[in-house]
Amino acid sequence: MNIGDRVRLLHGKEEGIIRKISSSGRMQIEIEDGFIIPALKSELVLIHESEKQYFGEKPVEEKEIDTPLPISGTKDQGLYLAFLPINDQSLSLYLINDSRQPYLAHASEVFGTNQRTLLAATLNPGEAKKFDDRLLKEMDEWPAFLLRFIPIHNTLEKAIPAFERQLKMKPTQFFKHLSKAPRLDKTAYIFPLEQTTKELDIRALNQELDQIRPKPETPKAVKPSRSIDLHIEKLATDPKGMSNSEMLRVQLESFDRNLDQAIASGMDEITFIHGIGNGVLRKEIHKRLSQHQNIKYFQDTQKDQWGYGATLVRIS
């Protein structure tokens, strides 16, 4: 490849003419509109003269100018980063607020864990603020730009969350963003700053706090007695005024509670003393045990003491 050869980017759509070749092999390519972009030889493909004759010159495509709309939701903040060409070598950097919402804006460049502030100011609706100049040929060495925006609410209204955006410019993508800049009314390289990165909202803060807050310890299961007496006089202070259905409810609540505690605490067996009576309580207990997945088996027990008025439960 020599100066004057026409080439195209291997991983892009840009075409241009080689204007300069440095001793390190880095080339400067003049693309349409007279802009110069740096590229390595390995990133370029030579356009042969026979290819031009066969396919003809590639017609210049008309670019559609995207007209930014005013702010309409969380995905369209109406905020833009613009690179305005001064000449074929230099660019001026602007933050543009094409919305109805004023913001506190902070722009910085990032060097690893270090940052340097370029702008810290109020960005009013319809305002464009210049905050830096850059050389186009040094794009590969540009650090990443970190942009933060905090909305200013002068009245009591639904809050728009603060957000930030970090951008690292790459030549193969940078030159695809040429369009008319809102508020500047000039052609520039435009990057919309939608709210697509970390949002400083209440949910995010709560998630961070949840990671910091000590989690409450799960209380250990209370191990019940190996023998639980379900006679109503053992469970209620004044059973005389209770109906039969109320007595049964209290007895079954005690049965369920103690069975759950026995299982949770790792007991291998427990006995429930329910008496003989009319058999309603015994029948209901056996029904529940037969449907419980943690029960190995159950059987009537302690005939000598309770006359089959108790049930032994083996826990699996």
C-alpha atoms as a PDB file:
ATOM      1  CA  MET A   1       0.000   0.000   0.000  1.00  0.00           C
ATOM      2  CA  ASN A   2       1.238   3.460  -0.958  1.00  0.00           C
ATOM      3  CA  ILE A   3       0.204   7.059  -0.478  1.00  0.00           C
ATOM      4  CA  GLY A   4      -2.692   7.785  -2.833  1.00  0.00           C
ATOM      5  CA  ASP A   5      -4.092   4.223  -2.828  1.00  0.00           C
ATOM      6  CA  ARG A   6      -7.803   3.865  -2.190  1.00  0.00           C
ATOM      7  CA  VAL A   7      -8.616   1.506   0.712  1.00  0.00           C
ATOM      8  CA  ARG A   8     -11.529   0.423   2.879  1.00  0.00           C
ATOM      9  CA  LEU A   9     -11.627  -0.529   6.561  1.00  0.00           C
ATOM     10  CA  LEU A  10     -11.651  -4.288   7.065  1.00  0.00           C
ATOM     11  CA  HIS A  11     -14.168  -4.093   9.952  1.00  0.00           C
ATOM     12  CA  GLY A  12     -16.135  -1.050   8.828  1.00  0.00           C
ATOM     13  CA  LYS A  13     -17.862   0.594   5.864  1.00  0.00           C
ATOM     14  CA  GLU A  14     -15.535   3.610   5.545  1.00  0.00           C
ATOM     15  CA  GLU A  15     -13.451   4.064   2.396  1.00  0.00           C
ATOM     16  CA  GLY A  16     -10.739   6.602   1.761  1.00  0.00           C
ATOM     17  CA  ILE A  17      -7.318   7.485   0.361  1.00  0.00           C
ATOM     18  CA  ILE A  18      -3.983   6.943   2.101  1.00  0.00           C
ATOM     19  CA  ARG A  19      -2.513  10.381   2.821  1.00  0.00           C
ATOM     20  CA  LYS A  20       0.373   9.536   5.155  1.00  0.00           C
ATOM     21  CA  ILE A  21       2.358   6.462   6.242  1.00  0.00           C
ATOM     22  CA  SER A  22       4.423   6.737   9.431  1.00  0.00           C
ATOM     23  CA  SER A  23       7.617   4.818  10.130  1.00  0.00           C
ATOM     24  CA  SER A  24       5.711   2.566  12.564  1.00  0.00           C
ATOM     25  CA  GLY A  25       3.345   1.499   9.797  1.00  0.00           C
ATOM     26  CA  ARG A  26       0.329   3.503  11.037  1.00  0.00           C
ATOM     27  CA  MET A  27      -1.543   5.160   8.192  1.00  0.00           C
ATOM     28  CA  GLN A  28      -3.721   8.248   7.953  1.00  0.00           C
ATOM     29  CA  ILE A  29      -6.769   7.756   5.743  1.00  0.00           C
ATOM     30  CA  GLU A  30      -8.780  10.653   4.296  1.00  0.00           C
ATOM     31  CA  ILE A  31     -12.453   9.645   4.176  1.00  0.00           C
ATOM     32  CA  GLU A  32     -15.419  11.568   2.814  1.00  0.00           C
ATOM     33  CA  ASP A  33     -15.946  15.101   4.112  1.00  0.00           C
ATOM     34  CA  GLY A  34     -12.150  15.458   4.247  1.00  0.00           C
ATOM     35  CA  PHE A  35     -11.736  13.915   7.699  1.00  0.00           C
ATOM     36  CA  ILE A  36      -8.547  12.020   8.550  1.00  0.00           C
ATOM     37  CA  ILE A  37      -8.694   8.789  10.563  1.00  0.00           C
ATOM     38  CA  PRO A  38      -5.758   6.701  11.821  1.00  0.00           C
ATOM     39  CA  ALA A  39      -5.564   2.977  10.986  1.00  0.00           C
ATOM     40  CA  LEU A  40      -3.110   0.104  10.962  1.00  0.00           C
ATOM     41  CA  LYS A  41      -2.198  -1.647   7.713  1.00  0.00           C
ATOM     42  CA  SER A  42      -3.770  -4.876   9.059  1.00  0.00           C
ATOM     43  CA  GLU A  43      -7.125  -3.033   9.359  1.00  0.00           C
ATOM     44  CA  LEU A  44      -7.188  -1.986   5.675  1.00  0.00           C
ATOM     45  CA  VAL A  45      -8.071  -3.636   2.357  1.00  0.00           C
ATOM     46  CA  LEU A  46      -6.751  -2.203  -0.916  1.00  0.00           C
ATOM     47  CA  ILE A  47      -9.425  -1.366  -3.503  1.00  0.00           C
ATOM     48  CA  HIS A  48      -7.969  -2.559  -6.834  1.00  0.00           C
ATOM     49  CA  GLU A  49      -8.459  -0.487  -9.989  1.00  0.00           C
ATOM     50  CA  SER A  50     -10.155  -3.421 -11.738  1.00  0.00           C
ATOM     51  CA  GLU A  51     -12.717  -3.538  -8.918  1.00  0.00           C
ATOM     52  CA  LYS A  52     -13.587   0.094  -9.595  1.00  0.00           C
ATOM     53  CA  GLN A  53     -13.942  -0.560 -13.340  1.00  0.00           C
ATOM     54  CA  TYR A  54     -16.151  -3.613 -12.813  1.00  0.00           C
ATOM     55  CA  PHE A  55     -18.414  -2.287 -10.048  1.00  0.00           C
ATOM     56  CA  GLY A  56     -18.080   1.384 -10.799  1.00  0.00           C
ATOM     57  CA  GLU A  57     -17.592   4.119  -8.226  1.00  0.00           C
ATOM     58  CA  LYS A  58     -19.648   3.588  -5.121  1.00  0.00           C
ATOM     59  CA  PRO A  59     -22.449   6.188  -5.030  1.00  0.00           C
ATOM     60  CA  VAL A  60     -22.476   8.489  -2.060  1.00  0.00           C
ATOM     61  CA  GLU A  61     -25.299   7.521   0.259  1.00  0.00           C
ATOM     62  CA  GLU A  62     -27.497  10.279   1.574  1.00  0.00           C
ATOM     63  CA  LYS A  63     -27.402  10.369   5.326  1.00  0.00           C
ATOM     64  CA  GLU A  64     -30.627  10.718   7.209  1.00  0.00           C
ATOM     65  CA  ILE A  65     -30.300  13.346   9.899  1.00  0.00           C
ATOM     66  CA  ASP A  66     -31.807  12.142  13.134  1.00  0.00           C
ATOM     67  CA  THR A  67     -33.750  14.929  14.782  1.00  0.00           C
ATOM     68  CA  PRO A  68     -33.599  14.394  18.558  1.00  0.00           C
ATOM     69  CA  LEU A  69     -36.953  14.584  20.294  1.00  0.00           C
ATOM     70  CA  PRO A  70     -37.606  16.310  23.609  1.00  0.00           C
ATOM     71  CA  ILE A  71     -37.489  14.174  26.715  1.00  0.00           C
ATOM     72  CA  SER A  72     -40.247  11.568  26.747  1.00  0.00           C
ATOM     73  CA  GLY A  73     -39.152   8.839  29.128  1.00  0.00           C
ATOM     74  CA  THR A  74     -36.311   7.083  30.878  1.00  0.00           C
ATOM     75  CA  LYS A  75     -34.882   5.794  27.578  1.00  0.00           C
ATOM     76  CA  ASP A  76     -34.768   9.218  25.898  1.00  0.00           C
ATOM     77  CA  GLN A  77     -33.139  11.716  28.194  1.00  0.00           C
ATOM     78  CA  GLY A  78     -32.617  14.286  25.430  1.00  0.00           C
ATOM     79  CA  LEU A  79     -28.930  14.524  26.406  1.00  0.00           C
ATOM     80  CA  TYR A  80     -26.091  14.243  23.899  1.00  0.00           C
ATOM     81  CA  LEU A  81     -22.317  14.205  23.696  1.00  0.00           C
ATOM     82  CA  ALA A  82     -21.204  15.995  20.513  1.00  0.00           C
ATOM     83  CA  PHE A  83     -17.811  16.197  18.775  1.00  0.00           C
ATOM     84  CA  LEU A  84     -17.919  19.309  16.580  1.00  0.00           C
ATOM     85  CA  PRO A  85     -15.192  19.506  13.869  1.00  0.00           C
ATOM     86  CA  ILE A  86     -13.132  22.715  13.995  1.00  0.00           C
ATOM     87  CA  ASN A  87     -11.041  21.683  10.997  1.00  0.00           C
ATOM     88  CA  ASP A  88      -9.797  18.378   9.587  1.00  0.00           C
ATOM     89  CA  GLN A  89      -7.576  17.891  12.635  1.00  0.00           C
ATOM     90  CA  SER A  90      -9.422  19.145  15.712  1.00  0.00           C
ATOM     91  CA  LEU A  91     -12.758  18.602  17.444  1.00  0.00           C
ATOM     92  CA  SER A  92     -14.598  20.515  20.157  1.00  0.00           C
ATOM     93  CA  LEU A  93     -16.541  18.507  22.761  1.00  0.00           C
ATOM     94  CA  TYR A  94     -20.026  19.612  23.846  1.00  0.00           C
ATOM     95  CA  LEU A  95     -22.703  18.397  26.222  1.00  0.00           C
ATOM     96  CA  ILE A  96     -26.158  19.188  24.822  1.00  0.00           C
ATOM     97  CA  ASN A  97     -29.420  19.272  26.764  1.00  0.00           C
ATOM     98  CA  ASP A  98     -32.245  18.951  24.232  1.00  0.00           C
ATOM     99  CA  SER A  99     -34.884  18.321  26.886  1.00  0.00           C
ATOM    100  CA  ARG A 100     -37.157  20.333  29.172  1.00  0.00           C
ATOM    101  CA  GLN A 101     -35.313  19.107  32.287  1.00  0.00           C
ATOM    102  CA  PRO A 102     -32.339  20.973  33.852  1.00  0.00           C
ATOM    103  CA  TYR A 103     -29.439  18.819  35.074  1.00  0.00           C
ATOM    104  CA  LEU A 104     -26.323  19.049  37.142  1.00  0.00           C
ATOM    105  CA  ALA A 105     -23.736  17.721  34.698  1.00  0.00           C
ATOM    106  CA  HIS A 106     -20.290  16.316  35.456  1.00  0.00           C
ATOM    107  CA  ALA A 107     -17.875  15.215  32.730  1.00  0.00           C
ATOM    108  CA  SER A 108     -14.505  13.607  33.393  1.00  0.00           C
ATOM    109  CA  GLU A 109     -11.904  11.472  31.648  1.00  0.00           C
ATOM    110  CA  VAL A 110     -10.946   8.132  33.167  1.00  0.00           C
ATOM    111  CA  PHE A 111      -7.396   6.832  33.545  1.00  0.00           C
ATOM    112  CA  GLY A 112      -7.723   3.431  35.204  1.00  0.00           C
ATOM    113  CA  THR A 113      -8.781   4.189  38.793  1.00  0.00           C
ATOM    114  CA  ASN A 114      -8.034   7.917  38.376  1.00  0.00           C
ATOM    115  CA  GLN A 115     -10.232  10.645  36.905  1.00  0.00           C
ATOM    116  CA  ARG A 116      -9.823  14.241  35.766  1.00  0.00           C
ATOM    117  CA  THR A 117     -12.814  16.575  35.792  1.00  0.00           C
ATOM    118  CA  LEU A 118     -13.512  18.403  32.528  1.00  0.00           C
ATOM    119  CA  LEU A 119     -16.847  20.004  33.399  1.00  0.00           C
ATOM    120  CA  ALA A 120     -19.026  20.458  36.484  1.00  0.00           C
ATOM    121  CA  ALA A 121     -21.939  22.785  35.830  1.00  0.00           C
ATOM    122  CA  THR A 122     -25.684  23.225  35.482  1.00  0.00           C
ATOM    123  CA  LEU A 123     -26.947  22.192  32.049  1.00  0.00           C
ATOM    124  CA  ASN A 124     -30.206  24.033  31.411  1.00  0.00           C
ATOM    125  CA  PRO A 125     -32.892  22.983  28.882  1.00  0.00           C
ATOM    126  CA  GLY A 126     -31.868  23.854  25.324  1.00  0.00           C
ATOM    127  CA  GLU A 127     -28.270  24.557  26.357  1.00  0.00           C
ATOM    128  CA  ALA A 128     -25.011  23.280  24.824  1.00  0.00           C
ATOM    129  CA  LYS A 129     -21.779  23.577  26.837  1.00  0.00           C
ATOM    130  CA  LYS A 130     -18.305  23.165  25.394  1.00  0.00           C
ATOM    131  CA  PHE A 131     -15.913  21.416  27.787  1.00  0.00           C
ATOM    132  CA  ASP A 132     -12.823  20.331  25.831  1.00  0.00           C
ATOM    133  CA  ASP A 133     -10.919  20.115  22.514  1.00  0.00           C
ATOM    134  CA  ARG A 134      -9.304  16.992  21.038  1.00  0.00           C
ATOM    135  CA  LEU A 135      -7.023  16.102  18.118  1.00  0.00           C
ATOM    136  CA  LEU A 136      -8.616  13.618  15.743  1.00  0.00           C
ATOM    137  CA  LYS A 137      -5.333  11.809  15.018  1.00  0.00           C
ATOM    138  CA  GLU A 138      -4.927  11.004  18.735  1.00  0.00           C
ATOM    139  CA  MET A 139      -8.288   9.217  19.057  1.00  0.00           C
ATOM    140  CA  ASP A 140      -6.641   5.884  19.857  1.00  0.00           C
ATOM    141  CA  GLU A 141      -5.050   7.515  22.902  1.00  0.00           C
ATOM    142  CA  TRP A 142      -8.197   9.256  24.143  1.00  0.00           C
ATOM    143  CA  PRO A 143      -9.232   8.025  27.598  1.00  0.00           C
ATOM    144  CA  ALA A 144     -12.819   6.996  28.291  1.00  0.00           C
ATOM    145  CA  PHE A 145     -15.306   9.777  29.074  1.00  0.00           C
ATOM    146  CA  LEU A 146     -17.457   9.424  32.195  1.00  0.00           C
ATOM    147  CA  LEU A 147     -20.620  11.553  32.148  1.00  0.00           C
ATOM    148  CA  ARG A 148     -22.945  11.952  35.143  1.00  0.00           C
ATOM    149  CA  PHE A 149     -26.322  13.683  35.239  1.00  0.00           C
ATOM    150  CA  ILE A 150     -28.454  14.608  38.257  1.00  0.00           C
ATOM    151  CA  PRO A 151     -31.886  16.122  37.442  1.00  0.00           C
ATOM    152  CA  ILE A 152     -32.819  19.400  39.152  1.00  0.00           C
ATOM    153  CA  HIS A 153     -36.400  19.430  40.479  1.00  0.00           C
ATOM    154  CA  ASN A 154     -37.606  22.929  41.344  1.00  0.00           C
ATOM    155  CA  THR A 155     -41.137  21.771  42.110  1.00  0.00           C
ATOM    156  CA  LEU A 156     -42.674  18.754  43.803  1.00  0.00           C
ATOM    157  CA  GLU A 157     -42.952  16.258  40.942  1.00  0.00           C
ATOM    158  CA  LYS A 158     -42.167  12.686  39.988  1.00  0.00           C
ATOM    159  CA  ALA A 159     -38.391  12.326  40.199  1.00  0.00           C
ATOM    160  CA  ILE A 160     -36.248  11.386  37.206  1.00  0.00           C
ATOM    161  CA  PRO A 161     -33.409   9.180  38.509  1.00  0.00           C
ATOM    162  CA  ALA A 162     -29.795  10.322  38.229  1.00  0.00           C
ATOM    163  CA  PHE A 163     -27.647   8.282  35.861  1.00  0.00           C
ATOM    164  CA  GLU A 164     -24.164   7.989  34.407  1.00  0.00           C
ATOM    165  CA  ARG A 165     -22.666   6.879  31.091  1.00  0.00           C
ATOM    166  CA  GLN A 166     -19.094   5.894  30.225  1.00  0.00           C
ATOM    167  CA  LEU A 167     -17.944   6.045  26.588  1.00  0.00           C
ATOM    168  CA  LYS A 168     -14.710   4.900  24.947  1.00  0.00           C
ATOM    169  CA  MET A 169     -14.341   6.156  21.379  1.00  0.00           C
ATOM    170  CA  LYS A 170     -13.273   3.727  18.629  1.00  0.00           C
ATOM    171  CA  PRO A 171     -12.491   5.011  15.111  1.00  0.00           C
ATOM    172  CA  THR A 172     -14.428   2.203  13.391  1.00  0.00           C
ATOM    173  CA  GLN A 173     -17.622   3.257  15.198  1.00  0.00           C
ATOM    174  CA  PHE A 174     -17.005   6.958  15.808  1.00  0.00           C
ATOM    175  CA  PHE A 175     -17.395   8.063  12.169  1.00  0.00           C
ATOM    176  CA  LYS A 176     -20.806   6.396  11.841  1.00  0.00           C
ATOM    177  CA  HIS A 177     -22.341   8.978  14.198  1.00  0.00           C
ATOM    178  CA  LEU A 178     -22.178  11.993  11.873  1.00  0.00           C
ATOM    179  CA  SER A 179     -25.435  13.987  11.873  1.00  0.00           C
ATOM    180  CA  LYS A 180     -26.836  17.431  12.610  1.00  0.00           C
ATOM    181  CA  ALA A 181     -26.292  18.359  16.245  1.00  0.00           C
ATOM    182  CA  PRO A 182     -29.352  19.669  18.115  1.00  0.00           C
ATOM    183  CA  ARG A 183     -29.022  23.211  19.514  1.00  0.00           C
ATOM    184  CA  LEU A 184     -25.662  23.679  17.735  1.00  0.00           C
ATOM    185  CA  ASP A 185     -27.332  23.471  14.305  1.00  0.00           C
ATOM    186  CA  LYS A 186     -24.078  22.135  12.862  1.00  0.00           C
ATOM    187  CA  THR A 187     -22.898  18.762  11.581  1.00  0.00           C
ATOM    188  CA  ALA A 188     -21.071  16.850  14.293  1.00  0.00           C
ATOM    189  CA  TYR A 189     -20.519  13.353  15.655  1.00  0.00           C
ATOM    190  CA  ILE A 190     -23.456  12.782  18.002  1.00  0.00           C
ATOM    191  CA  PHE A 191     -23.773  10.227  20.816  1.00  0.00           C
ATOM    192  CA  PRO A 192     -27.172  10.076  22.591  1.00  0.00           C
ATOM    193  CA  LEU A 193     -26.840   9.499  26.309  1.00  0.00           C
ATOM    194  CA  GLU A 194     -29.788   7.255  27.065  1.00  0.00           C
ATOM    195  CA  GLN A 195     -30.208   5.917  30.575  1.00  0.00           C
ATOM    196  CA  THR A 196     -28.736   2.485  29.836  1.00  0.00           C
ATOM    197  CA  THR A 197     -26.122   2.182  32.576  1.00  0.00           C
ATOM    198  CA  LYS A 198     -26.173   2.199  36.356  1.00  0.00           C
ATOM    199  CA  GLU A 199     -29.155   4.124  37.712  1.00  0.00           C
ATOM    200  CA  LEU A 200     -28.799   5.760  41.093  1.00  0.00           C
ATOM    201  CA  ASP A 201     -32.335   4.900  42.209  1.00  0.00           C
ATOM    202  CA  ILE A 202     -33.892   3.715  45.441  1.00  0.00           C
ATOM    203  CA  ARG A 203     -33.978   0.058  44.403  1.00  0.00           C
ATOM    204  CA  ALA A 204     -30.266   0.029  43.641  1.00  0.00           C
ATOM    205  CA  LEU A 205     -29.492   1.704  46.949  1.00  0.00           C
ATOM    206  CA  ASN A 206     -31.674  -0.778  48.814  1.00  0.00           C
ATOM    207  CA  GLN A 207     -29.903  -3.691  47.114  1.00  0.00           C
ATOM    208  CA  GLU A 208     -26.556  -2.282  48.186  1.00  0.00           C
ATOM    209  CA  LEU A 209     -27.831  -1.790  51.739  1.00  0.00           C
ATOM    210  CA  ASP A 210     -29.165  -5.346  51.823  1.00  0.00           C
ATOM    211  CA  GLN A 211     -25.639  -6.594  51.143  1.00  0.00           C
ATOM    212  CA  ILE A 212     -24.308  -4.515  54.033  1.00  0.00           C
ATOM    213  CA  ARG A 213     -27.037  -5.170  56.595  1.00  0.00           C
ATOM    214  CA  PRO A 214     -26.406  -8.224  58.790  1.00  0.00           C
ATOM    215  CA  LYS A 215     -28.939 -10.897  57.990  1.00  0.00           C
ATOM    216  CA  PRO A 216     -31.024 -12.013  60.977  1.00  0.00           C
ATOM    217  CA  GLU A 217     -30.178 -15.477  62.200  1.00  0.00           C
ATOM    218  CA  THR A 218     -32.833 -18.115  61.682  1.00  0.00           C
ATOM    219  CA  PRO A 219     -34.114 -19.095  65.126  1.00  0.00           C
ATOM    220  CA  LYS A 220     -33.386 -22.675  66.095  1.00  0.00           C
ATOM    221  CA  ALA A 221     -36.381 -24.992  66.330  1.00  0.00           C
ATOM    222  CA  VAL A 222     -37.616 -25.592  69.873  1.00  0.00           C
ATOM    223  CA  LYS A 223     -37.446 -29.274  70.733  1.00  0.00           C
ATOM    224  CA  PRO A 224     -40.749 -30.352  72.273  1.00  0.00           C
ATOM    225  CA  SER A 225     -41.268 -33.009  74.943  1.00  0.00           C
ATOM    226  CA  ARG A 226     -41.238 -36.620  73.696  1.00  0.00           C
ATOM    227  CA  SER A 227     -44.789 -36.975  75.015  1.00  0.00           C
ATOM    228  CA  ILE A 228     -47.444 -34.309  74.348  1.00  0.00           C
ATOM    229  CA  ASP A 229     -50.704 -34.372  76.311  1.00  0.00           C
ATOM    230  CA  LEU A 230     -53.580 -33.043  74.191  1.00  0.00           C
ATOM    231  CA  HIS A 231     -56.291 -33.213  76.856  1.00  0.00           C
ATOM    232  CA  ILE A 232     -58.082 -29.871  76.774  1.00  0.00           C
ATOM    233  CA  GLU A 233     -57.534 -29.144  80.474  1.00  0.00           C
ATOM    234  CA  LYS A 234     -53.781 -29.190  79.747  1.00  0.00           C
ATOM    235  CA  LEU A 235     -54.116 -26.676  76.947  1.00  0.00           C
ATOM    236  CA  ALA A 236     -56.802 -24.175  78.022  1.00  0.00           C
ATOM    237  CA  THR A 237     -57.121 -22.209  81.250  1.00  0.00           C
ATOM    238  CA  ASP A 238     -60.932 -22.287  81.234  1.00  0.00           C
ATOM    239  CA  PRO A 239     -62.183 -25.136  79.039  1.00  0.00           C
ATOM    240  CA  LYS A 240     -65.655 -25.288  80.647  1.00  0.00           C
ATOM    241  CA  GLY A 241     -66.998 -22.424  78.543  1.00  0.00           C
ATOM    242  CA  MET A 242     -65.648 -23.822  75.270  1.00  0.00           C
ATOM    243  CA  SER A 243     -67.704 -25.614  72.637  1.00  0.00           C
ATOM    244  CA  ASN A 244     -66.634 -28.981  71.259  1.00  0.00           C
ATOM    245  CA  SER A 245     -65.449 -27.399  67.995  1.00  0.00           C
ATOM    246  CA  GLU A 246     -63.338 -24.819  69.877  1.00  0.00           C
ATOM    247  CA  MET A 247     -61.763 -27.583  71.986  1.00  0.00           C
ATOM    248  CA  LEU A 248     -60.932 -29.609  68.872  1.00  0.00           C
ATOM    249  CA  ARG A 249     -59.371 -26.546  67.188  1.00  0.00           C
ATOM    250  CA  VAL A 250     -57.096 -25.855  70.178  1.00  0.00           C
ATOM    251  CA  GLN A 251     -56.054 -29.531  70.415  1.00  0.00           C
ATOM    252  CA  LEU A 252     -55.227 -29.776  66.698  1.00  0.00           C
ATOM    253  CA  GLU A 253     -53.264 -26.507  66.799  1.00  0.00           C
ATOM    254  CA  SER A 254     -51.145 -27.937  69.615  1.00  0.00           C
ATOM    255  CA  PHE A 255     -50.694 -31.196  67.692  1.00  0.00           C
ATOM    256  CA  ASP A 256     -49.576 -29.402  64.478  1.00  0.00           C
ATOM    257  CA  ARG A 257     -47.234 -27.063  66.332  1.00  0.00           C
ATOM    258  CA  ASN A 258     -45.487 -29.785  68.315  1.00  0.00           C
ATOM    259  CA  LEU A 259     -45.224 -32.133  65.328  1.00  0.00           C
ATOM    260  CA  ASP A 260     -43.592 -29.389  63.219  1.00  0.00           C
ATOM    261  CA  GLN A 261     -41.151 -28.597  66.029  1.00  0.00           C
ATOM    262  CA  ALA A 262     -40.282 -32.269  66.453  1.00  0.00           C
ATOM    263  CA  ILE A 263     -39.514 -32.608  62.730  1.00  0.00           C
ATOM    264  CA  ALA A 264     -37.551 -29.335  62.581  1.00  0.00           C
ATOM    265  CA  SER A 265     -35.443 -30.178  65.644  1.00  0.00           C
ATOM    266  CA  GLY A 266     -34.519 -33.618  64.316  1.00  0.00           C
ATOM    267  CA  MET A 267     -36.447 -35.848  66.725  1.00  0.00           C
ATOM    268  CA  ASP A 268     -36.947 -39.454  65.615  1.00  0.00           C
ATOM    269  CA  GLU A 269     -40.242 -40.014  67.431  1.00  0.00           C
ATOM    270  CA  ILE A 270     -42.919 -38.276  69.468  1.00  0.00           C
ATOM    271  CA  THR A 271     -46.075 -39.467  71.266  1.00  0.00           C
ATOM    272  CA  PHE A 272     -49.379 -37.615  71.325  1.00  0.00           C
ATOM    273  CA  ILE A 273     -51.796 -38.419  74.188  1.00  0.00           C
ATOM    274  CA  HIS A 274     -55.303 -37.693  72.916  1.00  0.00           C
ATOM    275  CA  GLY A 275     -57.443 -39.998  75.098  1.00  0.00           C
ATOM    276  CA  ILE A 276     -60.215 -42.281  73.915  1.00  0.00           C
ATOM    277  CA  GLY A 277     -63.374 -40.202  74.278  1.00  0.00           C
ATOM    278  CA  ASN A 278     -65.570 -40.276  71.195  1.00  0.00           C
ATOM    279  CA  GLY A 279     -62.545 -40.856  68.943  1.00  0.00           C
ATOM    280  CA  VAL A 280     -62.918 -37.610  66.950  1.00  0.00           C
ATOM    281  CA  LEU A 281     -59.497 -36.175  67.934  1.00  0.00           C
ATOM    282  CA  ARG A 282     -57.712 -39.507  67.347  1.00  0.00           C
ATOM    283  CA  LYS A 283     -59.328 -39.880  63.933  1.00  0.00           C
ATOM    284  CA  GLU A 284     -58.327 -36.354  62.843  1.00  0.00           C
ATOM    285  CA  ILE A 285     -54.732 -36.832  64.070  1.00  0.00           C
ATOM    286  CA  HIS A 286     -54.374 -40.132  62.188  1.00  0.00           C
ATOM    287  CA  LYS A 287     -55.804 -38.504  59.060  1.00  0.00           C
ATOM    288  CA  ARG A 288     -53.226 -35.723  59.160  1.00  0.00           C
ATOM    289  CA  LEU A 289     -50.357 -38.125  59.891  1.00  0.00           C
ATOM    290  CA  SER A 290     -51.302 -40.318  56.922  1.00  0.00           C
ATOM    291  CA  GLN A 291     -50.961 -37.289  54.618  1.00  0.00           C
ATOM    292  CA  HIS A 292     -47.641 -36.046  56.053  1.00  0.00           C
ATOM    293  CA  GLN A 293     -44.547 -36.794  53.972  1.00  0.00           C
ATOM    294  CA  ASN A 294     -42.100 -36.654  56.915  1.00  0.00           C
ATOM    295  CA  ILE A 295     -43.769 -39.491  58.842  1.00  0.00           C
ATOM    296  CA  LYS A 296     -42.273 -42.984  58.624  1.00  0.00           C
ATOM    297  CA  TYR A 297     -45.227 -44.614  60.399  1.00  0.00           C
ATOM    298  CA  PHE A 298     -47.565 -44.151  63.387  1.00  0.00           C
ATOM    299  CA  GLN A 299     -49.387 -46.543  65.717  1.00  0.00           C
ATOM    300  CA  ASP A 300     -51.536 -46.719  68.844  1.00  0.00           C
ATOM    301  CA  THR A 301     -49.379 -47.043  71.921  1.00  0.00           C
ATOM    302  CA  GLN A 302     -49.220 -47.119  75.723  1.00  0.00           C
ATOM    303  CA  LYS A 303     -52.217 -49.426  76.082  1.00  0.00           C
ATOM    304  CA  ASP A 304     -51.280 -50.228  79.675  1.00  0.00           C
ATOM    305  CA  GLN A 305     -51.417 -46.523  80.636  1.00  0.00           C
ATOM    306  CA  TRP A 306     -53.814 -44.915  78.185  1.00  0.00           C
ATOM    307  CA  GLY A 307     -55.809 -47.811  76.731  1.00  0.00           C
ATOM    308  CA  TYR A 308     -54.849 -46.934  73.179  1.00  0.00           C
ATOM    309  CA  GLY A 309     -55.512 -43.270  74.018  1.00  0.00           C
ATOM    310  CA  ALA A 310     -52.116 -42.265  72.583  1.00  0.00           C
ATOM    311  CA  THR A 311     -50.359 -42.378  69.199  1.00  0.00           C
ATOM    312  CA  LEU A 312     -46.662 -42.973  68.656  1.00  0.00           C
ATOM    313  CA  VAL A 313     -45.248 -41.149  65.627  1.00  0.00           C
ATOM    314  CA  ARG A 314     -41.983 -42.261  63.947  1.00  0.00           C
ATOM    315  CA  ILE A 315     -40.361 -39.410  62.038  1.00  0.00           C
ATOM    316  CA  SER A 316     -38.407 -40.130  58.860  1.00  0.00           C
END
